[in-house]
C-alpha atoms as a PDB file:
ATOM      1  CA  LEU A   1     -28.563  40.587  15.903  1.00  0.00           C
ATOM      2  CA  GLU A   2     -29.136  44.295  15.351  1.00  0.00           C
ATOM      3  CA  GLY A   3     -31.754  44.537  18.100  1.00  0.00           C
ATOM      4  CA  TRP A   4     -29.999  42.605  20.814  1.00  0.00           C
ATOM      5  CA  GLU A   5     -28.648  45.633  22.711  1.00  0.00           C
ATOM      6  CA  PRO A   6     -32.001  47.375  23.363  1.00  0.00           C
ATOM      7  CA  VAL A   7     -33.622  44.082  24.406  1.00  0.00           C
ATOM      8  CA  LEU A   8     -30.974  43.056  26.921  1.00  0.00           C
ATOM      9  CA  GLY A   9     -29.899  46.511  27.983  1.00  0.00           C
ATOM     10  CA  THR A  10     -26.415  47.952  27.883  1.00  0.00           C
ATOM     11  CA  GLU A  11     -26.105  48.100  31.663  1.00  0.00           C
ATOM     12  CA  TYR A  12     -27.106  44.449  32.036  1.00  0.00           C
ATOM     13  CA  ILE A  13     -24.526  43.368  29.446  1.00  0.00           C
ATOM     14  CA  ARG A  14     -21.789  45.393  31.116  1.00  0.00           C
ATOM     15  CA  SER A  15     -22.618  43.963  34.531  1.00  0.00           C
ATOM     16  CA  GLU A  16     -22.554  40.425  33.181  1.00  0.00           C
ATOM     17  CA  CYS A  17     -19.222  40.985  31.441  1.00  0.00           C
ATOM     18  CA  SER A  18     -17.677  42.609  34.496  1.00  0.00           C
ATOM     19  CA  SER A  19     -18.708  39.597  36.596  1.00  0.00           C
ATOM     20  CA  ILE A  20     -16.125  37.388  34.849  1.00  0.00           C
ATOM     21  CA  PRO A  21     -13.430  36.945  37.537  1.00  0.00           C
ATOM     22  CA  SER A  22      -9.923  37.958  36.597  1.00  0.00           C
ATOM     23  CA  SER A  23      -8.622  34.792  38.265  1.00  0.00           C
ATOM     24  CA  LEU A  24     -10.577  32.713  35.742  1.00  0.00           C
ATOM     25  CA  ILE A  25      -9.075  34.678  32.856  1.00  0.00           C
ATOM     26  CA  ALA A  26      -5.578  34.191  34.302  1.00  0.00           C
ATOM     27  CA  PHE A  27      -6.287  30.476  34.750  1.00  0.00           C
ATOM     28  CA  ALA A  28      -7.365  30.220  31.102  1.00  0.00           C
ATOM     29  CA  GLY A  29      -4.205  32.042  30.001  1.00  0.00           C
ATOM     30  CA  VAL A  30      -1.976  29.611  31.896  1.00  0.00           C
ATOM     31  CA  CYS A  31      -3.875  26.661  30.430  1.00  0.00           C
ATOM     32  CA  LEU A  32      -3.478  28.170  26.966  1.00  0.00           C
ATOM     33  CA  GLY A  33       0.302  28.314  27.390  1.00  0.00           C
ATOM     34  CA  ILE A  34       0.422  24.698  28.591  1.00  0.00           C
ATOM     35  CA  SER A  35      -1.697  23.636  25.617  1.00  0.00           C
ATOM     36  CA  LEU A  36       0.675  25.279  23.138  1.00  0.00           C
ATOM     37  CA  CYS A  37       3.724  23.637  24.741  1.00  0.00           C
ATOM     38  CA  GLY A  38       1.973  20.274  24.817  1.00  0.00           C
ATOM     39  CA  LEU A  39       0.995  20.527  21.157  1.00  0.00           C
ATOM     40  CA  ALA A  40       4.611  21.224  20.226  1.00  0.00           C
ATOM     41  CA  GLY A  41       5.915  18.308  22.316  1.00  0.00           C
ATOM     42  CA  ASN A  42       3.391  15.778  21.062  1.00  0.00           C
ATOM     43  CA  GLY A  43       3.951  17.007  17.523  1.00  0.00           C
ATOM     44  CA  VAL A  44       7.653  16.156  17.868  1.00  0.00           C
ATOM     45  CA  VAL A  45       6.777  12.674  19.174  1.00  0.00           C
ATOM     46  CA  LEU A  46       4.369  12.112  16.276  1.00  0.00           C
ATOM     47  CA  TRP A  47       6.998  13.270  13.794  1.00  0.00           C
ATOM     48  CA  PHE A  48       9.658  10.991  15.264  1.00  0.00           C
ATOM     49  CA  LEU A  49       7.530   7.860  15.680  1.00  0.00           C
ATOM     50  CA  GLY A  50       5.795   8.346  12.357  1.00  0.00           C
ATOM     51  CA  PHE A  51       8.810   8.985  10.142  1.00  0.00           C
ATOM     52  CA  HIS A  52      12.113   8.363  11.931  1.00  0.00           C
ATOM     53  CA  THR A  53      11.947   5.052  13.771  1.00  0.00           C
ATOM     54  CA  LYS A  54      10.962   1.482  13.108  1.00  0.00           C
ATOM     55  CA  GLN A  55       7.585   0.585  14.552  1.00  0.00           C
ATOM     56  CA  SER A  56       7.428  -2.001  17.336  1.00  0.00           C
ATOM     57  CA  PRO A  57       4.383  -3.391  19.162  1.00  0.00           C
ATOM     58  CA  PHE A  58       4.791  -0.876  21.965  1.00  0.00           C
ATOM     59  CA  THR A  59       5.575   2.198  19.880  1.00  0.00           C
ATOM     60  CA  VAL A  60       2.312   1.613  17.979  1.00  0.00           C
ATOM     61  CA  TYR A  61       0.409   2.168  21.216  1.00  0.00           C
ATOM     62  CA  ILE A  62       2.568   5.164  22.122  1.00  0.00           C
ATOM     63  CA  LEU A  63       1.994   6.678  18.667  1.00  0.00           C
ATOM     64  CA  ASN A  64      -1.778   6.340  19.080  1.00  0.00           C
ATOM     65  CA  LEU A  65      -1.495   7.774  22.589  1.00  0.00           C
ATOM     66  CA  ALA A  66       0.375  10.788  21.209  1.00  0.00           C
ATOM     67  CA  VAL A  67      -2.395  11.253  18.614  1.00  0.00           C
ATOM     68  CA  ALA A  68      -5.013  11.223  21.383  1.00  0.00           C
ATOM     69  CA  ASP A  69      -3.029  13.680  23.533  1.00  0.00           C
ATOM     70  CA  PHE A  70      -2.363  16.005  20.588  1.00  0.00           C
ATOM     71  CA  SER A  71      -6.036  15.992  19.582  1.00  0.00           C
ATOM     72  CA  LEU A  72      -7.227  16.580  23.141  1.00  0.00           C
ATOM     73  CA  LEU A  73      -4.830  19.507  23.552  1.00  0.00           C
ATOM     74  CA  LEU A  74      -6.050  20.958  20.256  1.00  0.00           C
ATOM     75  CA  LEU A  75      -9.643  20.814  21.511  1.00  0.00           C
ATOM     76  CA  PHE A  76      -8.623  22.487  24.761  1.00  0.00           C
ATOM     77  CA  LEU A  77      -6.795  25.169  22.762  1.00  0.00           C
ATOM     78  CA  LEU A  78      -9.897  25.942  20.684  1.00  0.00           C
ATOM     79  CA  LEU A  79     -12.034  26.090  23.814  1.00  0.00           C
ATOM     80  CA  LEU A  80      -9.612  28.397  25.618  1.00  0.00           C
ATOM     81  CA  LEU A  81      -9.267  30.695  22.610  1.00  0.00           C
ATOM     82  CA  ALA A  82     -13.053  30.980  22.365  1.00  0.00           C
ATOM     83  CA  PHE A  83     -13.357  31.737  26.080  1.00  0.00           C
ATOM     84  CA  LEU A  84     -10.556  34.319  26.102  1.00  0.00           C
ATOM     85  CA  SER A  85     -12.052  36.006  23.028  1.00  0.00           C
ATOM     86  CA  LEU A  86     -15.398  36.292  24.800  1.00  0.00           C
ATOM     87  CA  ALA A  87     -13.706  37.600  27.935  1.00  0.00           C
ATOM     88  CA  ALA A  88     -11.653  40.190  26.038  1.00  0.00           C
ATOM     89  CA  PHE A  89     -14.476  41.425  23.782  1.00  0.00           C
ATOM     90  CA  CYS A  90     -17.401  40.528  25.995  1.00  0.00           C
ATOM     91  CA  ILE A  91     -19.664  43.484  25.196  1.00  0.00           C
ATOM     92  CA  SER A  92     -19.256  43.092  21.443  1.00  0.00           C
ATOM     93  CA  LEU A  93     -19.530  39.291  21.463  1.00  0.00           C
ATOM     94  CA  PHE A  94     -22.224  38.968  24.144  1.00  0.00           C
ATOM     95  CA  PRO A  95     -24.924  37.763  21.686  1.00  0.00           C
ATOM     96  CA  PHE A  96     -22.663  34.854  20.724  1.00  0.00           C
ATOM     97  CA  ILE A  97     -22.608  33.373  24.234  1.00  0.00           C
ATOM     98  CA  LEU A  98     -25.346  30.901  23.300  1.00  0.00           C
ATOM     99  CA  HIS A  99     -23.266  29.778  20.312  1.00  0.00           C
ATOM    100  CA  TYR A 100     -20.274  29.427  22.630  1.00  0.00           C
ATOM    101  CA  GLN A 101     -22.241  27.103  24.910  1.00  0.00           C
ATOM    102  CA  ARG A 102     -23.220  24.987  21.916  1.00  0.00           C
ATOM    103  CA  PHE A 103     -19.596  25.000  20.797  1.00  0.00           C
ATOM    104  CA  VAL A 104     -18.541  23.673  24.211  1.00  0.00           C
ATOM    105  CA  PHE A 105     -21.128  20.907  23.985  1.00  0.00           C
ATOM    106  CA  VAL A 106     -19.952  19.894  20.504  1.00  0.00           C
ATOM    107  CA  LEU A 107     -16.303  19.841  21.615  1.00  0.00           C
ATOM    108  CA  GLY A 108     -17.281  17.596  24.498  1.00  0.00           C
ATOM    109  CA  PHE A 109     -17.925  14.627  22.191  1.00  0.00           C
ATOM    110  CA  PRO A 110     -14.401  14.273  20.724  1.00  0.00           C
ATOM    111  CA  CYS A 111     -12.988  15.212  24.129  1.00  0.00           C
ATOM    112  CA  HIS A 112     -14.633  12.165  25.691  1.00  0.00           C
ATOM    113  CA  VAL A 113     -13.546   9.954  22.783  1.00  0.00           C
ATOM    114  CA  PHE A 114      -9.884  10.961  23.070  1.00  0.00           C
ATOM    115  CA  ASP A 115      -9.913  10.732  26.866  1.00  0.00           C
ATOM    116  CA  LEU A 116     -11.448   7.245  26.897  1.00  0.00           C
ATOM    117  CA  SER A 117      -9.146   6.116  24.073  1.00  0.00           C
ATOM    118  CA  SER A 118      -6.080   7.251  26.028  1.00  0.00           C
ATOM    119  CA  LEU A 119      -7.206   5.214  29.012  1.00  0.00           C
ATOM    120  CA  GLY A 120      -7.791   2.128  26.857  1.00  0.00           C
ATOM    121  CA  LEU A 121      -4.470   2.486  25.041  1.00  0.00           C
ATOM    122  CA  LEU A 122      -2.540   2.705  28.303  1.00  0.00           C
ATOM    123  CA  ALA A 123      -4.374  -0.367  29.613  1.00  0.00           C
ATOM    124  CA  ALA A 124      -3.632  -2.345  26.429  1.00  0.00           C
ATOM    125  CA  LEU A 125       0.005  -1.234  26.495  1.00  0.00           C
ATOM    126  CA  SER A 126       0.356  -2.347  30.121  1.00  0.00           C
ATOM    127  CA  VAL A 127      -1.236  -5.752  29.524  1.00  0.00           C
ATOM    128  CA  GLU A 128       0.830  -6.496  26.419  1.00  0.00           C
ATOM    129  CA  ARG A 129       4.039  -5.429  28.133  1.00  0.00           C
ATOM    130  CA  CYS A 130       3.212  -7.730  31.046  1.00  0.00           C
ATOM    131  CA  ILE A 131       2.508 -10.675  28.711  1.00  0.00           C
ATOM    132  CA  SER A 132       5.785 -10.096  26.876  1.00  0.00           C
ATOM    133  CA  VAL A 133       7.658 -10.573  30.163  1.00  0.00           C
ATOM    134  CA  LEU A 134       5.601 -13.418  31.626  1.00  0.00           C
ATOM    135  CA  CYS A 135       5.318 -15.440  28.380  1.00  0.00           C
ATOM    136  CA  PRO A 136       8.299 -14.348  26.243  1.00  0.00           C
ATOM    137  CA  ILE A 137       8.457 -17.481  24.075  1.00  0.00           C
ATOM    138  CA  TRP A 138       4.784 -17.353  23.127  1.00  0.00           C
ATOM    139  CA  TYR A 139       5.014 -13.597  22.652  1.00  0.00           C
ATOM    140  CA  ARG A 140       7.847 -13.812  20.137  1.00  0.00           C
ATOM    141  CA  CYS A 141       6.714 -16.955  18.320  1.00  0.00           C
ATOM    142  CA  HIS A 142       2.923 -16.808  18.270  1.00  0.00           C
ATOM    143  CA  ARG A 143       1.850 -13.201  18.764  1.00  0.00           C
ATOM    144  CA  PRO A 144      -0.089 -11.890  15.716  1.00  0.00           C
ATOM    145  CA  ARG A 145       2.063  -9.481  13.772  1.00  0.00           C
ATOM    146  CA  HIS A 146      -0.401  -6.592  13.615  1.00  0.00           C
ATOM    147  CA  LEU A 147      -2.014  -7.131  17.021  1.00  0.00           C
ATOM    148  CA  SER A 148      -1.091  -3.671  18.349  1.00  0.00           C
ATOM    149  CA  ALA A 149      -2.567  -1.885  15.339  1.00  0.00           C
ATOM    150  CA  VAL A 150      -5.755  -3.985  15.474  1.00  0.00           C
ATOM    151  CA  VAL A 151      -6.212  -3.414  19.214  1.00  0.00           C
ATOM    152  CA  SER A 152      -5.577   0.330  18.837  1.00  0.00           C
ATOM    153  CA  GLY A 153      -8.103   0.602  16.012  1.00  0.00           C
ATOM    154  CA  ALA A 154     -10.654  -1.393  17.992  1.00  0.00           C
ATOM    155  CA  LEU A 155     -10.191   0.866  21.022  1.00  0.00           C
ATOM    156  CA  TRP A 156     -10.720   3.987  18.910  1.00  0.00           C
ATOM    157  CA  ALA A 157     -13.866   2.506  17.352  1.00  0.00           C
ATOM    158  CA  LEU A 158     -15.287   1.283  20.657  1.00  0.00           C
ATOM    159  CA  ALA A 159     -14.598   4.627  22.344  1.00  0.00           C
ATOM    160  CA  GLY A 160     -16.384   6.479  19.540  1.00  0.00           C
ATOM    161  CA  ALA A 161     -19.368   4.117  19.585  1.00  0.00           C
ATOM    162  CA  PHE A 162     -19.683   4.179  23.366  1.00  0.00           C
ATOM    163  CA  VAL A 163     -19.431   7.964  23.668  1.00  0.00           C
ATOM    164  CA  SER A 164     -22.008   8.324  20.862  1.00  0.00           C
ATOM    165  CA  SER A 165     -24.461   6.156  22.797  1.00  0.00           C
ATOM    166  CA  LEU A 166     -23.577   8.136  25.915  1.00  0.00           C
ATOM    167  CA  TYR A 167     -24.502  11.425  24.273  1.00  0.00           C
ATOM    168  CA  LEU A 168     -27.683  10.102  22.690  1.00  0.00           C
ATOM    169  CA  THR A 169     -29.016   8.691  25.948  1.00  0.00           C
ATOM    170  CA  SER A 170     -28.075  11.775  27.982  1.00  0.00           C
ATOM    171  CA  THR A 171     -29.731  14.050  25.406  1.00  0.00           C
ATOM    172  CA  TYR A 172     -33.099  12.282  25.296  1.00  0.00           C
ATOM    173  CA  SER A 173     -33.325  10.967  28.857  1.00  0.00           C
ATOM    174  CA  GLU A 174     -31.522  12.372  31.880  1.00  0.00           C
ATOM    175  CA  ASP A 175     -32.049   9.194  33.910  1.00  0.00           C
ATOM    176  CA  SER A 176     -30.647   7.005  31.132  1.00  0.00           C
ATOM    177  CA  GLY A 177     -27.741   9.404  30.699  1.00  0.00           C
ATOM    178  CA  THR A 178     -26.912   9.114  34.381  1.00  0.00           C
ATOM    179  CA  ALA A 179     -26.991   5.315  34.161  1.00  0.00           C
ATOM    180  CA  VAL A 180     -24.750   5.214  31.089  1.00  0.00           C
ATOM    181  CA  ALA A 181     -22.369   7.703  32.707  1.00  0.00           C
ATOM    182  CA  GLY A 182     -22.119   5.218  35.574  1.00  0.00           C
ATOM    183  CA  VAL A 183     -21.180   2.536  33.053  1.00  0.00           C
ATOM    184  CA  ALA A 184     -18.484   4.872  31.706  1.00  0.00           C
ATOM    185  CA  LEU A 185     -17.091   5.294  35.205  1.00  0.00           C
ATOM    186  CA  ALA A 186     -17.078   1.502  35.626  1.00  0.00           C
ATOM    187  CA  ILE A 187     -15.092   1.184  32.384  1.00  0.00           C
ATOM    188  CA  CYS A 188     -12.593   3.736  33.689  1.00  0.00           C
ATOM    189  CA  VAL A 189     -12.212   1.711  36.886  1.00  0.00           C
ATOM    190  CA  VAL A 190     -11.686  -1.551  34.949  1.00  0.00           C
ATOM    191  CA  PHE A 191      -9.052  -0.003  32.667  1.00  0.00           C
ATOM    192  CA  SER A 192      -7.319   1.560  35.662  1.00  0.00           C
ATOM    193  CA  LEU A 193      -7.220  -1.779  37.481  1.00  0.00           C
ATOM    194  CA  MET A 194      -5.794  -3.446  34.367  1.00  0.00           C
ATOM    195  CA  MET A 195      -2.989  -0.888  34.303  1.00  0.00           C
ATOM    196  CA  LEU A 196      -2.352  -1.163  38.016  1.00  0.00           C
ATOM    197  CA  VAL A 197      -2.282  -4.972  38.200  1.00  0.00           C
ATOM    198  CA  SER A 198      -0.250  -5.441  34.996  1.00  0.00           C
ATOM    199  CA  ASN A 199       2.450  -2.996  36.016  1.00  0.00           C
ATOM    200  CA  LEU A 200       2.586  -4.303  39.568  1.00  0.00           C
ATOM    201  CA  ILE A 201       3.137  -7.851  38.271  1.00  0.00           C
ATOM    202  CA  LEU A 202       5.720  -6.585  35.813  1.00  0.00           C
ATOM    203  CA  PHE A 203       7.582  -4.645  38.482  1.00  0.00           C
ATOM    204  CA  LEU A 204       7.653  -7.624  40.850  1.00  0.00           C
ATOM    205  CA  LYS A 205       8.818  -9.909  38.043  1.00  0.00           C
ATOM    206  CA  LEU A 206      11.700  -7.651  37.063  1.00  0.00           C
ATOM    207  CA  ARG A 207      12.830  -6.527  40.503  1.00  0.00           C
ATOM    208  CA  CYS A 208      11.969  -9.410  42.834  1.00  0.00           C
ATOM    209  CA  GLY A 209      12.362 -12.486  40.628  1.00  0.00           C
ATOM    210  CA  SER A 210      15.178 -15.015  40.722  1.00  0.00           C
ATOM    211  CA  ARG A 211      16.931 -13.157  37.883  1.00  0.00           C
ATOM    212  CA  ARG A 212      16.725  -9.461  38.616  1.00  0.00           C
ATOM    213  CA  ARG A 213      17.003  -7.313  35.502  1.00  0.00           C
ATOM    214  CA  GLN A 214      17.573  -3.622  35.045  1.00  0.00           C
ATOM    215  CA  PRO A 215      14.468  -2.148  33.369  1.00  0.00           C
ATOM    216  CA  GLY A 216      15.065  -0.531  29.988  1.00  0.00           C
ATOM    217  CA  LYS A 217      14.359   3.071  29.079  1.00  0.00           C
ATOM    218  CA  LEU A 218      11.097   2.255  27.340  1.00  0.00           C
ATOM    219  CA  PHE A 219       9.865   0.390  30.416  1.00  0.00           C
ATOM    220  CA  VAL A 220      10.724   3.367  32.632  1.00  0.00           C
ATOM    221  CA  ALA A 221       8.980   5.790  30.250  1.00  0.00           C
ATOM    222  CA  ILE A 222       5.824   3.649  30.155  1.00  0.00           C
ATOM    223  CA  MET A 223       5.748   3.352  33.939  1.00  0.00           C
ATOM    224  CA  LEU A 224       6.090   7.126  34.329  1.00  0.00           C
ATOM    225  CA  ASN A 225       3.340   7.694  31.743  1.00  0.00           C
ATOM    226  CA  ILE A 226       0.971   5.472  33.692  1.00  0.00           C
ATOM    227  CA  LEU A 227       1.821   7.094  37.025  1.00  0.00           C
ATOM    228  CA  LEU A 228       1.258  10.480  35.404  1.00  0.00           C
ATOM    229  CA  PHE A 229      -2.143   9.390  34.107  1.00  0.00           C
ATOM    230  CA  PHE A 230      -3.186   8.119  37.535  1.00  0.00           C
ATOM    231  CA  ALA A 231      -2.138  11.394  39.147  1.00  0.00           C
ATOM    232  CA  PHE A 232      -3.351  13.881  36.524  1.00  0.00           C
ATOM    233  CA  GLY A 233      -5.617  12.160  33.975  1.00  0.00           C
ATOM    234  CA  ILE A 234      -7.996  10.121  36.121  1.00  0.00           C
ATOM    235  CA  PRO A 235      -9.534  13.117  38.027  1.00  0.00           C
ATOM    236  CA  PHE A 236     -10.580  14.835  34.788  1.00  0.00           C
ATOM    237  CA  CYS A 237     -11.804  11.557  33.247  1.00  0.00           C
ATOM    238  CA  VAL A 238     -14.011  10.815  36.258  1.00  0.00           C
ATOM    239  CA  GLU A 239     -15.362  14.355  36.559  1.00  0.00           C
ATOM    240  CA  VAL A 240     -16.396  14.784  32.934  1.00  0.00           C
ATOM    241  CA  PHE A 241     -18.328  11.509  32.972  1.00  0.00           C
ATOM    242  CA  ILE A 242     -20.030  12.394  36.258  1.00  0.00           C
ATOM    243  CA  ASN A 243     -21.055  15.799  34.848  1.00  0.00           C
ATOM    244  CA  LEU A 244     -22.114  14.481  31.448  1.00  0.00           C
ATOM    245  CA  PRO A 245     -25.880  14.754  32.108  1.00  0.00           C
ATOM    246  CA  ASP A 246     -25.303  18.473  32.789  1.00  0.00           C
ATOM    247  CA  SER A 247     -23.997  19.683  29.419  1.00  0.00           C
ATOM    248  CA  GLY A 248     -22.837  22.998  30.870  1.00  0.00           C
ATOM    249  CA  ASP A 249     -20.097  21.365  32.921  1.00  0.00           C
ATOM    250  CA  LEU A 250     -18.320  19.289  30.288  1.00  0.00           C
ATOM    251  CA  PHE A 251     -15.149  21.305  30.808  1.00  0.00           C
ATOM    252  CA  PRO A 252     -14.888  22.033  34.526  1.00  0.00           C
ATOM    253  CA  GLU A 253     -13.238  25.312  35.492  1.00  0.00           C
ATOM    254  CA  ASP A 254     -11.179  23.822  38.293  1.00  0.00           C
ATOM    255  CA  PRO A 255      -7.882  21.966  38.884  1.00  0.00           C
ATOM    256  CA  SER A 256      -9.017  18.803  37.048  1.00  0.00           C
ATOM    257  CA  LEU A 257      -8.815  20.622  33.701  1.00  0.00           C
ATOM    258  CA  PHE A 258      -5.372  21.942  34.598  1.00  0.00           C
ATOM    259  CA  LEU A 259      -4.242  18.418  35.575  1.00  0.00           C
ATOM    260  CA  ALA A 260      -5.564  16.984  32.311  1.00  0.00           C
ATOM    261  CA  LEU A 261      -3.547  19.536  30.357  1.00  0.00           C
ATOM    262  CA  LEU A 262      -0.437  18.604  32.326  1.00  0.00           C
ATOM    263  CA  ASN A 263      -1.058  14.909  31.697  1.00  0.00           C
ATOM    264  CA  CYS A 264      -1.233  15.401  27.929  1.00  0.00           C
ATOM    265  CA  SER A 265       1.706  17.808  27.839  1.00  0.00           C
ATOM    266  CA  LEU A 266       4.219  16.031  30.081  1.00  0.00           C
ATOM    267  CA  ASN A 267       4.392  12.697  28.236  1.00  0.00           C
ATOM    268  CA  PRO A 268       6.858  14.035  25.604  1.00  0.00           C
ATOM    269  CA  VAL A 269       8.906  15.573  28.428  1.00  0.00           C
ATOM    270  CA  ILE A 270       9.137  12.136  30.064  1.00  0.00           C
ATOM    271  CA  TYR A 271      10.429  10.551  26.850  1.00  0.00           C
ATOM    272  CA  VAL A 272      13.106  13.218  26.472  1.00  0.00           C
ATOM    273  CA  LEU A 273      14.198  13.104  30.117  1.00  0.00           C
ATOM    274  CA  VAL A 274      14.418   9.303  30.172  1.00  0.00           C
ATOM    275  CA  GLY A 275      16.319   9.244  26.876  1.00  0.00           C
ATOM    276  CA  SER A 276      18.795  11.927  27.942  1.00  0.00           C
ATOM    277  CA  CYS A 277      19.361  10.579  31.462  1.00  0.00           C
ATOM    278  CA  ARG A 278      23.064  10.295  32.379  1.00  0.00           C
ATOM    279  CA  ARG A 279      24.085  12.079  29.174  1.00  0.00           C
ATOM    280  CA  ARG A 280      26.223  15.189  29.250  1.00  0.00           C
ATOM    281  CA  ARG A 281      25.116  16.515  25.884  1.00  0.00           C
ATOM    282  CA  PHE A 282      21.420  16.917  25.148  1.00  0.00           C
ATOM    283  CA  GLN A 283      20.218  16.032  21.646  1.00  0.00           C
ATOM    284  CA  LEU A 284      16.478  15.669  21.112  1.00  0.00           C
ATOM    285  CA  ARG A 285      16.566  13.130  18.312  1.00  0.00           C
ATOM    286  CA  LYS A 286      19.120  10.901  20.043  1.00  0.00           C
ATOM    287  CA  ALA A 287      17.181  11.094  23.308  1.00  0.00           C
ATOM    288  CA  LEU A 288      14.021   9.864  21.588  1.00  0.00           C
ATOM    289  CA  LEU A 289      16.005   7.217  19.730  1.00  0.00           C
ATOM    290  CA  ARG A 290      17.341   5.807  23.002  1.00  0.00           C
ATOM    291  CA  VAL A 291      13.777   5.360  24.247  1.00  0.00           C
ATOM    292  CA  PHE A 292      12.049   4.128  21.085  1.00  0.00           C
ATOM    293  CA  GLY A 293      14.872   2.900  18.865  1.00  0.00           C
ATOM    294  CA  ASP A 294      15.838  -0.299  20.700  1.00  0.00           C
ATOM    295  CA  THR A 295      13.515  -2.616  18.805  1.00  0.00           C
ATOM    296  CA  GLU A 296      14.956  -5.719  20.409  1.00  0.00           C
ATOM    297  CA  GLU A 297      14.042  -4.440  23.859  1.00  0.00           C
ATOM    298  CA  ASN A 298      10.703  -3.126  22.692  1.00  0.00           C
ATOM    299  CA  SER A 299       9.689  -6.436  21.206  1.00  0.00           C
ATOM    300  CA  ALA A 300      10.245  -8.304  24.445  1.00  0.00           C
ATOM    301  CA  GLY A 301      13.807  -8.085  25.608  1.00  0.00           C
ATOM    302  CA  THR A 302      13.339 -10.751  28.219  1.00  0.00           C
ATOM    303  CA  ILE A 303      14.732 -13.872  26.586  1.00  0.00           C
ATOM    304  CA  SER A 304      17.930 -14.432  24.687  1.00  0.00           C
ATOM    305  CA  ASN A 305      17.896 -15.353  21.017  1.00  0.00           C
ATOM    306  CA  SER A 306      19.889 -18.521  21.615  1.00  0.00           C
ATOM    307  CA  ARG A 307      17.436 -19.719  24.225  1.00  0.00           C
ATOM    308  CA  LEU A 308      14.552 -18.867  21.918  1.00  0.00           C
ATOM    309  CA  GLU A 309      16.039 -20.911  19.076  1.00  0.00           C
ATOM    310  CA  HIS A 310      16.683 -23.762  21.483  1.00  0.00           C
ATOM    311  CA  PHE A 311      12.977 -23.938  22.292  1.00  0.00           C
ATOM    312  CA  ARG A 312      12.114 -23.671  18.624  1.00  0.00           C
ATOM    313  CA  GLY A 313      14.510 -26.501  17.861  1.00  0.00           C
ATOM    314  CA  VAL A 314      16.145 -24.702  14.982  1.00  0.00           C
ATOM    315  CA  ILE A 315      19.686 -24.179  16.267  1.00  0.00           C
ATOM    316  CA  PRO A 316      21.929 -24.703  13.202  1.00  0.00           C
ATOM    317  CA  GLN A 317      24.614 -26.588  15.134  1.00  0.00           C
ATOM    318  CA  GLU A 318      22.117 -29.114  16.418  1.00  0.00           C
ATOM    319  CA  LYS A 319      20.588 -29.538  12.982  1.00  0.00           C
ATOM    320  CA  GLY A 320      23.893 -30.298  11.341  1.00  0.00           C
ATOM    321  CA  ALA A 321      25.230 -32.496  14.123  1.00  0.00           C
ATOM    322  CA  GLY A 322      25.809 -36.140  13.284  1.00  0.00           C
ATOM    323  CA  PRO A 323      28.278 -38.978  13.636  1.00  0.00           C
END
């Protein structure tokens, strides 16, 4: 590296460094602040769901979603720190620009895994929530105990395997990479439709059925999470898969990156706001407990225990009845 300055020329290096727009540096600084806030918020959710509440089928998905959001924000933080370091010490670090580009490409792999996993987890959460309302008896009596954990693990594994194949094909063949990126976009569309249809059915069932019920806090939080993902997460998800054959554009410097950061960072805010709604005093732990702590609602919450036992045929009074 000792001979890099004479080869490139000091004037050329200074002109290249001065060409970095100040608006881009300001944009990166704002994104850095959002990343730090999002890491803190998702860290609180991980701490609460991991150690301070009883796991339910739905909180398992939310815990995995918080892991994906936290990891994605951490990747964004590393990327932004590297970029701001280059921008601040451009002349000194100019020979490391090639390493920075490789660093961006390497970070792209886990970024795609976490992004695709988040989409799959939200789709699985929506479908299971819909089934719990449409088929409450089957859901409580016959649902496999560890189904949520198995589905979450399968989604993580499938996302990793698919993104690996995506990178291999795009590296060795641009045409194949474009085709596989199209498959990735199709998967995003399918998962999005699953979320949309499941939540639409669930909303109509709860609000327009013969027995209208007031949705619980967890239901409201999940609905807001999904709306947030449609508004902020989908644009980034679509753009990174479209740009995958061009490795230089894995992290677009435009509003889609900013929206993705907001999507990952605002989920904990939603949980806190829903849990503290209509409360005069704000307490973080109690707010989260109101959203995640009602295990009876989280399990299904759509059928009474007496009715359930009636269908099971195990009501004690009926068993002991006799002449």
